[in-house]
């Protein structure tokens, strides 16, 4: 496989994960599918700029899960709804920021 083909596949997979994360707002299971794809393809992106995007995507998932649990528990006292809303805004921000960096072929955390 040529280097350009491999790079194209890695970029496609990274873009796909951002798309699945975004679709997670409509169909929640795609958010889980995205992180599964991250873990399956993680070795393939090692040492490339896509590695930082995978790390960004995985952290987005796990912190979102954490804040969703905290928000759900706190929803009993109304504050949880604010936490859940803030979590949704944060996830949207991370998807957009990551996608823009990917389209510019820039790594995250730079």
N, C-alpha and C. Protein backbone atom coordinates (compact mmCIF):
# COMPACT_ATOMS: atom_id res chain seq x y z
N UNK A 1 0.84 -1.18 0.00
CA UNK A 1 0.00 0.00 0.00
C UNK A 1 0.89 1.24 0.00
N UNK A 2 0.53 2.20 -0.81
CA UNK A 2 1.34 3.41 -0.88
C UNK A 2 1.11 4.28 0.36
N UNK A 3 2.08 5.14 0.59
CA UNK A 3 2.01 6.02 1.76
C UNK A 3 0.80 6.95 1.70
N UNK A 4 0.49 7.45 0.49
CA UNK A 4 -0.68 8.33 0.34
C UNK A 4 -1.98 7.60 0.63
N UNK A 5 -2.05 6.33 0.22
CA UNK A 5 -3.25 5.52 0.48
C UNK A 5 -3.43 5.30 1.97
N UNK A 6 -2.34 4.97 2.66
CA UNK A 6 -2.40 4.75 4.11
C UNK A 6 -2.82 6.04 4.80
N UNK A 7 -2.21 7.15 4.41
CA UNK A 7 -2.55 8.44 5.01
C UNK A 7 -4.02 8.77 4.77
N UNK A 8 -4.50 8.49 3.57
CA UNK A 8 -5.91 8.73 3.25
C UNK A 8 -6.84 7.88 4.10
N UNK A 9 -6.46 6.62 4.32
CA UNK A 9 -7.27 5.73 5.16
C UNK A 9 -7.29 6.21 6.61
N UNK A 10 -6.14 6.65 7.10
CA UNK A 10 -6.08 7.14 8.48
C UNK A 10 -6.91 8.40 8.65
N UNK A 11 -6.83 9.29 7.66
CA UNK A 11 -7.62 10.53 7.73
C UNK A 11 -9.11 10.20 7.64
N UNK A 12 -9.47 9.24 6.78
CA UNK A 12 -10.87 8.84 6.67
C UNK A 12 -11.38 8.29 7.99
N UNK A 13 -10.60 7.40 8.62
CA UNK A 13 -11.02 6.81 9.89
C UNK A 13 -11.17 7.89 10.97
N UNK A 14 -10.26 8.83 10.99
CA UNK A 14 -10.32 9.90 11.99
C UNK A 14 -11.54 10.78 11.73
N UNK A 15 -11.80 11.09 10.47
CA UNK A 15 -12.99 11.87 10.11
C UNK A 15 -14.25 11.10 10.46
N UNK A 16 -14.25 9.81 10.19
CA UNK A 16 -15.40 8.96 10.52
C UNK A 16 -15.72 9.01 12.00
N UNK A 17 -14.69 8.96 12.84
CA UNK A 17 -14.91 9.01 14.29
C UNK A 17 -15.53 10.35 14.69
N UNK A 18 -15.03 11.45 14.13
CA UNK A 18 -15.65 12.75 14.44
C UNK A 18 -17.12 12.76 14.00
N UNK A 19 -17.39 12.19 12.84
CA UNK A 19 -18.77 12.11 12.36
C UNK A 19 -19.65 11.26 13.25
N UNK A 20 -19.12 10.13 13.70
CA UNK A 20 -19.88 9.26 14.60
C UNK A 20 -20.14 9.95 15.93
N UNK A 21 -19.14 10.69 16.41
CA UNK A 21 -19.34 11.43 17.66
C UNK A 21 -20.43 12.48 17.48
N UNK A 22 -20.42 13.18 16.37
CA UNK A 22 -21.44 14.20 16.12
C UNK A 22 -22.82 13.56 15.99
N UNK A 23 -22.89 12.42 15.32
CA UNK A 23 -24.16 11.72 15.16
C UNK A 23 -24.67 11.19 16.50
N UNK A 24 -23.79 11.08 17.47
CA UNK A 24 -24.16 10.60 18.79
C UNK A 24 -25.22 11.46 19.46
N UNK A 25 -25.37 12.69 19.02
CA UNK A 25 -26.42 13.55 19.58
C UNK A 25 -27.81 13.12 19.10
N UNK A 26 -27.85 12.40 17.97
CA UNK A 26 -29.12 11.91 17.44
C UNK A 26 -29.31 10.44 17.77
N UNK A 27 -28.27 9.66 17.53
CA UNK A 27 -28.29 8.22 17.80
C UNK A 27 -27.14 7.93 18.75
N UNK A 28 -27.42 7.82 20.02
CA UNK A 28 -26.40 7.70 21.05
C UNK A 28 -25.39 6.59 20.84
N UNK A 29 -25.81 5.49 20.21
CA UNK A 29 -24.90 4.36 20.04
C UNK A 29 -23.71 4.69 19.14
N UNK A 30 -23.86 5.67 18.26
CA UNK A 30 -22.73 6.00 17.39
C UNK A 30 -21.58 6.62 18.17
N UNK A 31 -21.89 7.25 19.30
CA UNK A 31 -20.83 7.80 20.15
C UNK A 31 -19.98 6.67 20.72
N UNK A 32 -20.65 5.58 21.09
CA UNK A 32 -19.94 4.39 21.59
C UNK A 32 -19.18 3.72 20.45
N UNK A 33 -19.81 3.62 19.28
CA UNK A 33 -19.15 3.02 18.12
C UNK A 33 -17.87 3.78 17.78
N UNK A 34 -17.91 5.09 17.94
CA UNK A 34 -16.74 5.92 17.64
C UNK A 34 -15.55 5.56 18.51
N UNK A 35 -15.78 5.41 19.80
CA UNK A 35 -14.66 5.10 20.70
C UNK A 35 -14.18 3.67 20.49
N UNK A 36 -15.07 2.77 20.12
CA UNK A 36 -14.66 1.40 19.80
C UNK A 36 -13.74 1.42 18.59
N UNK A 37 -14.12 2.18 17.56
CA UNK A 37 -13.27 2.32 16.38
C UNK A 37 -11.92 2.92 16.75
N UNK A 38 -11.91 3.91 17.64
CA UNK A 38 -10.65 4.49 18.12
C UNK A 38 -9.74 3.42 18.69
N UNK A 39 -10.27 2.59 19.57
CA UNK A 39 -9.45 1.58 20.21
C UNK A 39 -9.00 0.50 19.23
N UNK A 40 -9.85 0.13 18.27
CA UNK A 40 -9.48 -0.89 17.28
C UNK A 40 -8.36 -0.39 16.37
N UNK A 41 -8.44 0.85 15.94
CA UNK A 41 -7.48 1.41 14.98
C UNK A 41 -6.32 2.17 15.62
N UNK A 42 -6.26 2.16 16.93
CA UNK A 42 -5.26 2.96 17.66
C UNK A 42 -3.82 2.65 17.24
N UNK A 43 -3.49 1.38 17.06
CA UNK A 43 -2.11 1.00 16.69
C UNK A 43 -1.73 1.54 15.32
N UNK A 44 -2.69 1.63 14.41
CA UNK A 44 -2.40 2.07 13.05
C UNK A 44 -2.01 3.54 12.97
N UNK A 45 -2.47 4.35 13.92
CA UNK A 45 -2.19 5.79 13.87
C UNK A 45 -0.97 6.18 14.70
N UNK A 46 -0.37 5.22 15.36
CA UNK A 46 0.77 5.51 16.23
C UNK A 46 1.89 6.18 15.43
N UNK A 47 2.38 7.30 15.97
CA UNK A 47 3.48 8.01 15.34
C UNK A 47 3.06 8.97 14.23
N UNK A 48 1.76 9.12 14.02
CA UNK A 48 1.27 10.05 13.01
C UNK A 48 0.52 11.20 13.69
N UNK A 49 0.17 12.21 12.92
CA UNK A 49 -0.59 13.32 13.49
C UNK A 49 -1.98 12.85 13.93
N UNK A 50 -2.44 11.74 13.36
CA UNK A 50 -3.76 11.22 13.71
C UNK A 50 -3.79 10.61 15.11
N UNK A 51 -2.63 10.26 15.62
CA UNK A 51 -2.56 9.72 16.99
C UNK A 51 -3.09 10.75 17.99
N UNK A 52 -2.73 12.00 17.80
CA UNK A 52 -3.21 13.04 18.73
C UNK A 52 -4.72 13.22 18.60
N UNK A 53 -5.25 13.05 17.41
CA UNK A 53 -6.70 13.16 17.22
C UNK A 53 -7.41 11.99 17.91
N UNK A 54 -6.85 10.80 17.80
CA UNK A 54 -7.45 9.64 18.48
C UNK A 54 -7.44 9.85 19.99
N UNK A 55 -6.34 10.37 20.52
CA UNK A 55 -6.26 10.65 21.95
C UNK A 55 -7.33 11.68 22.33
N UNK A 56 -7.46 12.72 21.53
CA UNK A 56 -8.47 13.77 21.73
C UNK A 56 -9.88 13.17 21.73
N UNK A 57 -10.15 12.30 20.76
CA UNK A 57 -11.47 11.69 20.64
C UNK A 57 -11.77 10.75 21.80
N UNK A 58 -10.80 9.96 22.20
CA UNK A 58 -10.99 9.04 23.31
C UNK A 58 -11.23 9.81 24.60
N UNK A 59 -10.45 10.86 24.82
CA UNK A 59 -10.64 11.68 26.03
C UNK A 59 -12.00 12.39 26.00
N UNK A 60 -12.41 12.83 24.84
CA UNK A 60 -13.74 13.44 24.71
C UNK A 60 -14.80 12.46 25.17
N UNK A 61 -14.70 11.22 24.71
CA UNK A 61 -15.68 10.20 25.09
C UNK A 61 -15.70 9.97 26.60
N UNK A 62 -14.54 9.68 27.17
CA UNK A 62 -14.52 9.30 28.59
C UNK A 62 -14.88 10.45 29.52
N UNK A 63 -14.43 11.67 29.21
CA UNK A 63 -14.83 12.80 30.05
C UNK A 63 -16.32 13.10 29.89
N UNK A 64 -16.83 12.89 28.69
CA UNK A 64 -18.27 13.08 28.48
C UNK A 64 -19.07 12.06 29.29
N UNK A 65 -18.60 10.83 29.32
CA UNK A 65 -19.27 9.80 30.14
C UNK A 65 -19.24 10.22 31.61
N UNK A 66 -18.08 10.65 32.08
CA UNK A 66 -17.95 11.08 33.47
C UNK A 66 -18.93 12.21 33.79
N UNK A 67 -18.93 13.27 32.96
CA UNK A 67 -19.80 14.41 33.22
C UNK A 67 -21.27 14.06 33.05
N UNK A 68 -21.57 13.10 32.18
CA UNK A 68 -22.96 12.66 32.03
C UNK A 68 -23.44 11.95 33.29
N UNK A 69 -22.58 11.12 33.86
CA UNK A 69 -22.94 10.43 35.10
C UNK A 69 -23.14 11.44 36.23
N UNK A 70 -22.19 12.36 36.36
CA UNK A 70 -22.30 13.39 37.40
C UNK A 70 -23.57 14.21 37.19
N UNK A 71 -23.83 14.60 35.95
CA UNK A 71 -25.03 15.38 35.65
C UNK A 71 -26.30 14.62 35.94
N UNK A 72 -26.32 13.33 35.61
CA UNK A 72 -27.51 12.52 35.88
C UNK A 72 -27.75 12.40 37.38
N UNK A 73 -26.69 12.20 38.14
CA UNK A 73 -26.84 12.10 39.59
C UNK A 73 -27.30 13.42 40.19
N UNK A 74 -26.79 14.52 39.67
CA UNK A 74 -27.15 15.83 40.21
C UNK A 74 -28.48 16.35 39.67
N UNK A 75 -29.04 15.68 38.69
CA UNK A 75 -30.31 16.16 38.13
C UNK A 75 -31.44 16.11 39.14
N UNK A 76 -31.25 15.33 40.19
CA UNK A 76 -32.23 15.28 41.27
C UNK A 76 -32.38 16.66 41.91
N UNK A 77 -31.29 17.40 41.96
CA UNK A 77 -31.32 18.74 42.57
C UNK A 77 -31.22 19.85 41.51
N UNK A 78 -31.66 19.57 40.32
CA UNK A 78 -31.74 20.52 39.21
C UNK A 78 -30.38 20.94 38.63
N UNK A 79 -29.37 21.02 39.45
CA UNK A 79 -28.04 21.43 38.99
C UNK A 79 -27.53 20.50 37.89
N UNK A 80 -27.94 19.26 37.94
CA UNK A 80 -27.49 18.28 36.97
C UNK A 80 -27.83 18.64 35.54
N UNK A 81 -28.96 19.30 35.34
CA UNK A 81 -29.34 19.70 33.99
C UNK A 81 -28.37 20.73 33.42
N UNK A 82 -27.85 21.57 34.27
CA UNK A 82 -26.83 22.54 33.85
C UNK A 82 -25.55 21.81 33.47
N UNK A 83 -25.19 20.82 34.28
CA UNK A 83 -23.99 20.02 34.00
C UNK A 83 -24.16 19.27 32.68
N UNK A 84 -25.32 18.68 32.45
CA UNK A 84 -25.57 17.94 31.21
C UNK A 84 -25.53 18.87 29.99
N UNK A 85 -26.09 20.06 30.13
CA UNK A 85 -26.06 21.03 29.04
C UNK A 85 -24.62 21.47 28.76
N UNK A 86 -23.87 21.77 29.81
CA UNK A 86 -22.47 22.19 29.66
C UNK A 86 -21.66 21.07 29.01
N UNK A 87 -21.93 19.84 29.38
CA UNK A 87 -21.25 18.69 28.79
C UNK A 87 -21.52 18.62 27.29
N UNK A 88 -22.77 18.81 26.89
CA UNK A 88 -23.12 18.77 25.47
C UNK A 88 -22.40 19.87 24.70
N UNK A 89 -22.36 21.06 25.25
CA UNK A 89 -21.66 22.18 24.60
C UNK A 89 -20.17 21.86 24.49
N UNK A 90 -19.59 21.30 25.54
CA UNK A 90 -18.16 20.95 25.55
C UNK A 90 -17.85 19.90 24.49
N UNK A 91 -18.71 18.89 24.36
CA UNK A 91 -18.50 17.84 23.35
C UNK A 91 -18.58 18.44 21.95
N UNK A 92 -19.57 19.28 21.71
CA UNK A 92 -19.69 19.94 20.39
C UNK A 92 -18.44 20.76 20.09
N UNK A 93 -17.96 21.50 21.07
CA UNK A 93 -16.73 22.29 20.90
C UNK A 93 -15.56 21.38 20.52
N UNK A 94 -15.41 20.26 21.22
CA UNK A 94 -14.27 19.37 20.96
C UNK A 94 -14.37 18.71 19.59
N UNK A 95 -15.58 18.36 19.17
CA UNK A 95 -15.75 17.77 17.85
C UNK A 95 -15.38 18.80 16.77
N UNK A 96 -15.89 20.01 16.91
CA UNK A 96 -15.61 21.06 15.91
C UNK A 96 -14.12 21.41 15.89
N UNK A 97 -13.54 21.61 17.06
CA UNK A 97 -12.11 21.96 17.12
C UNK A 97 -11.25 20.86 16.51
N UNK A 98 -11.56 19.62 16.84
CA UNK A 98 -10.80 18.49 16.30
C UNK A 98 -10.96 18.36 14.80
N UNK A 99 -12.19 18.49 14.33
CA UNK A 99 -12.46 18.36 12.90
C UNK A 99 -11.75 19.45 12.10
N UNK A 100 -11.77 20.68 12.61
CA UNK A 100 -11.08 21.77 11.93
C UNK A 100 -9.57 21.54 11.88
N UNK A 101 -9.00 21.08 12.99
CA UNK A 101 -7.56 20.79 13.01
C UNK A 101 -7.24 19.65 12.05
N UNK A 102 -8.10 18.64 11.99
CA UNK A 102 -7.88 17.52 11.08
C UNK A 102 -7.92 18.00 9.63
N UNK A 103 -8.87 18.84 9.29
CA UNK A 103 -8.96 19.35 7.92
C UNK A 103 -7.76 20.20 7.54
N UNK A 104 -7.14 20.85 8.52
CA UNK A 104 -5.91 21.61 8.29
C UNK A 104 -4.67 20.74 8.41
N UNK A 105 -4.88 19.45 8.66
CA UNK A 105 -3.81 18.46 8.86
C UNK A 105 -2.85 18.88 9.96
N UNK A 106 -3.43 19.36 11.05
CA UNK A 106 -2.66 19.74 12.23
C UNK A 106 -2.96 18.76 13.36
N UNK A 107 -1.95 18.45 14.16
CA UNK A 107 -2.21 17.58 15.32
C UNK A 107 -2.92 18.37 16.42
N UNK A 108 -3.56 17.65 17.29
CA UNK A 108 -4.16 18.29 18.46
C UNK A 108 -3.04 18.53 19.48
N UNK A 109 -3.30 19.34 20.46
CA UNK A 109 -2.34 19.63 21.54
C UNK A 109 -1.08 20.34 21.04
N UNK A 110 -1.15 21.07 19.93
CA UNK A 110 0.07 21.75 19.47
C UNK A 110 0.04 23.22 19.77
